[in-house]
Amino acid sequence: MNNKNLVLTKQLEKETGYQMMTVGLSLHKKIKMLAAETGIPMRTILETMIRYGFDNLEIQDVDSDEE
C-alpha cells in the first residue's frame, strides 16, 4: 500500500446542519477536534477519509499458515 498523506484544506464557512454518524467515542472526539481546527464540517471530513480509504484500499488474501 502506498503512503500518501491525506490533505485537508481549511474552510472558513460553518455548516448549519448535522447528519447522524456512528463511530466510536475516541474517533468522534478526534474528528470533532479536526473539524474545529480546520472549519471543515465533520461530515465532509468523514466522507473525505472514507473516499481516501477506498482509493488506497488493498485487500490481501488470508495466509494459509495463519488459519
C-alpha atoms as a PDB file:
ATOM      1  CA  MET A   1       0.000   0.000   0.000  1.00  0.00           C
ATOM      2  CA  ASN A   2       1.360   3.440  -0.825  1.00  0.00           C
ATOM      3  CA  ASN A   3       1.923   6.001   1.948  1.00  0.00           C
ATOM      4  CA  LYS A   4       0.288   9.139   0.578  1.00  0.00           C
ATOM      5  CA  ASN A   5      -0.865  11.729   3.086  1.00  0.00           C
ATOM      6  CA  LEU A   6      -4.486  12.792   3.257  1.00  0.00           C
ATOM      7  CA  VAL A   7      -4.573  16.587   2.869  1.00  0.00           C
ATOM      8  CA  LEU A   8      -7.486  18.667   4.169  1.00  0.00           C
ATOM      9  CA  THR A   9      -7.837  22.333   3.228  1.00  0.00           C
ATOM     10  CA  LYS A  10      -9.207  24.574   5.980  1.00  0.00           C
ATOM     11  CA  GLN A  11     -12.641  26.099   5.397  1.00  0.00           C
ATOM     12  CA  LEU A  12     -13.962  29.346   6.787  1.00  0.00           C
ATOM     13  CA  GLU A  13     -17.695  28.679   6.328  1.00  0.00           C
ATOM     14  CA  LYS A  14     -19.528  26.792   9.058  1.00  0.00           C
ATOM     15  CA  GLU A  15     -22.071  24.074   8.402  1.00  0.00           C
ATOM     16  CA  THR A  16     -25.551  24.788   9.723  1.00  0.00           C
ATOM     17  CA  GLY A  17     -26.952  21.238   9.754  1.00  0.00           C
ATOM     18  CA  TYR A  18     -25.936  17.883  11.184  1.00  0.00           C
ATOM     19  CA  GLN A  19     -26.038  14.303   9.945  1.00  0.00           C
ATOM     20  CA  MET A  20     -26.054  11.150  12.046  1.00  0.00           C
ATOM     21  CA  MET A  21     -22.917   9.043  12.029  1.00  0.00           C
ATOM     22  CA  THR A  22     -21.886   6.060  14.039  1.00  0.00           C
ATOM     23  CA  VAL A  23     -18.269   5.952  15.139  1.00  0.00           C
ATOM     24  CA  GLY A  24     -16.520   5.088  18.382  1.00  0.00           C
ATOM     25  CA  LEU A  25     -16.170   7.804  21.017  1.00  0.00           C
ATOM     26  CA  SER A  26     -12.413   8.215  20.558  1.00  0.00           C
ATOM     27  CA  LEU A  27     -12.765   8.660  16.776  1.00  0.00           C
ATOM     28  CA  HIS A  28     -15.661  11.067  17.238  1.00  0.00           C
ATOM     29  CA  LYS A  29     -13.520  13.214  19.548  1.00  0.00           C
ATOM     30  CA  LYS A  30     -10.638  13.292  17.040  1.00  0.00           C
ATOM     31  CA  ILE A  31     -12.928  14.171  14.130  1.00  0.00           C
ATOM     32  CA  LYS A  32     -14.629  16.879  16.194  1.00  0.00           C
ATOM     33  CA  MET A  33     -11.237  18.397  17.114  1.00  0.00           C
ATOM     34  CA  LEU A  34     -10.132  18.295  13.473  1.00  0.00           C
ATOM     35  CA  ALA A  35     -13.369  19.978  12.402  1.00  0.00           C
ATOM     36  CA  ALA A  36     -12.858  22.739  14.967  1.00  0.00           C
ATOM     37  CA  GLU A  37      -9.254  23.288  13.833  1.00  0.00           C
ATOM     38  CA  THR A  38      -9.986  23.351  10.097  1.00  0.00           C
ATOM     39  CA  GLY A  39     -13.534  24.689   9.896  1.00  0.00           C
ATOM     40  CA  ILE A  40     -14.417  21.664   7.773  1.00  0.00           C
ATOM     41  CA  PRO A  41     -17.750  20.025   8.681  1.00  0.00           C
ATOM     42  CA  MET A  42     -17.422  16.632  10.365  1.00  0.00           C
ATOM     43  CA  ARG A  43     -19.470  15.046   7.565  1.00  0.00           C
ATOM     44  CA  THR A  44     -17.040  16.354   4.953  1.00  0.00           C
ATOM     45  CA  ILE A  45     -14.039  15.092   6.923  1.00  0.00           C
ATOM     46  CA  LEU A  46     -15.586  11.630   7.231  1.00  0.00           C
ATOM     47  CA  GLU A  47     -16.523  11.493   3.544  1.00  0.00           C
ATOM     48  CA  THR A  48     -13.021  12.625   2.543  1.00  0.00           C
ATOM     49  CA  MET A  49     -11.394   9.992   4.758  1.00  0.00           C
ATOM     50  CA  ILE A  50     -13.693   7.245   3.504  1.00  0.00           C
ATOM     51  CA  ARG A  51     -13.057   8.180  -0.151  1.00  0.00           C
ATOM     52  CA  TYR A  52      -9.303   8.240   0.526  1.00  0.00           C
ATOM     53  CA  GLY A  53      -9.562   4.838   2.177  1.00  0.00           C
ATOM     54  CA  PHE A  54     -11.385   3.347  -0.807  1.00  0.00           C
ATOM     55  CA  ASP A  55      -8.956   4.929  -3.285  1.00  0.00           C
ATOM     56  CA  ASN A  56      -5.982   3.466  -1.389  1.00  0.00           C
ATOM     57  CA  LEU A  57      -7.502   0.149  -0.318  1.00  0.00           C
ATOM     58  CA  GLU A  58      -5.577  -3.056  -0.771  1.00  0.00           C
ATOM     59  CA  ILE A  59      -7.221  -6.378   0.059  1.00  0.00           C
ATOM     60  CA  GLN A  60      -4.929  -9.256   0.932  1.00  0.00           C
ATOM     61  CA  ASP A  61      -5.729 -12.936   0.888  1.00  0.00           C
ATOM     62  CA  VAL A  62      -5.506 -14.807   4.183  1.00  0.00           C
ATOM     63  CA  ASP A  63      -2.150 -16.506   4.582  1.00  0.00           C
ATOM     64  CA  SER A  64      -2.852 -20.258   4.786  1.00  0.00           C
ATOM     65  CA  ASP A  65      -0.244 -20.559   7.586  1.00  0.00           C
ATOM     66  CA  GLU A  66      -2.337 -18.245   9.805  1.00  0.00           C
ATOM     67  CA  GLU A  67      -5.583 -20.254   9.619  1.00  0.00           C
END
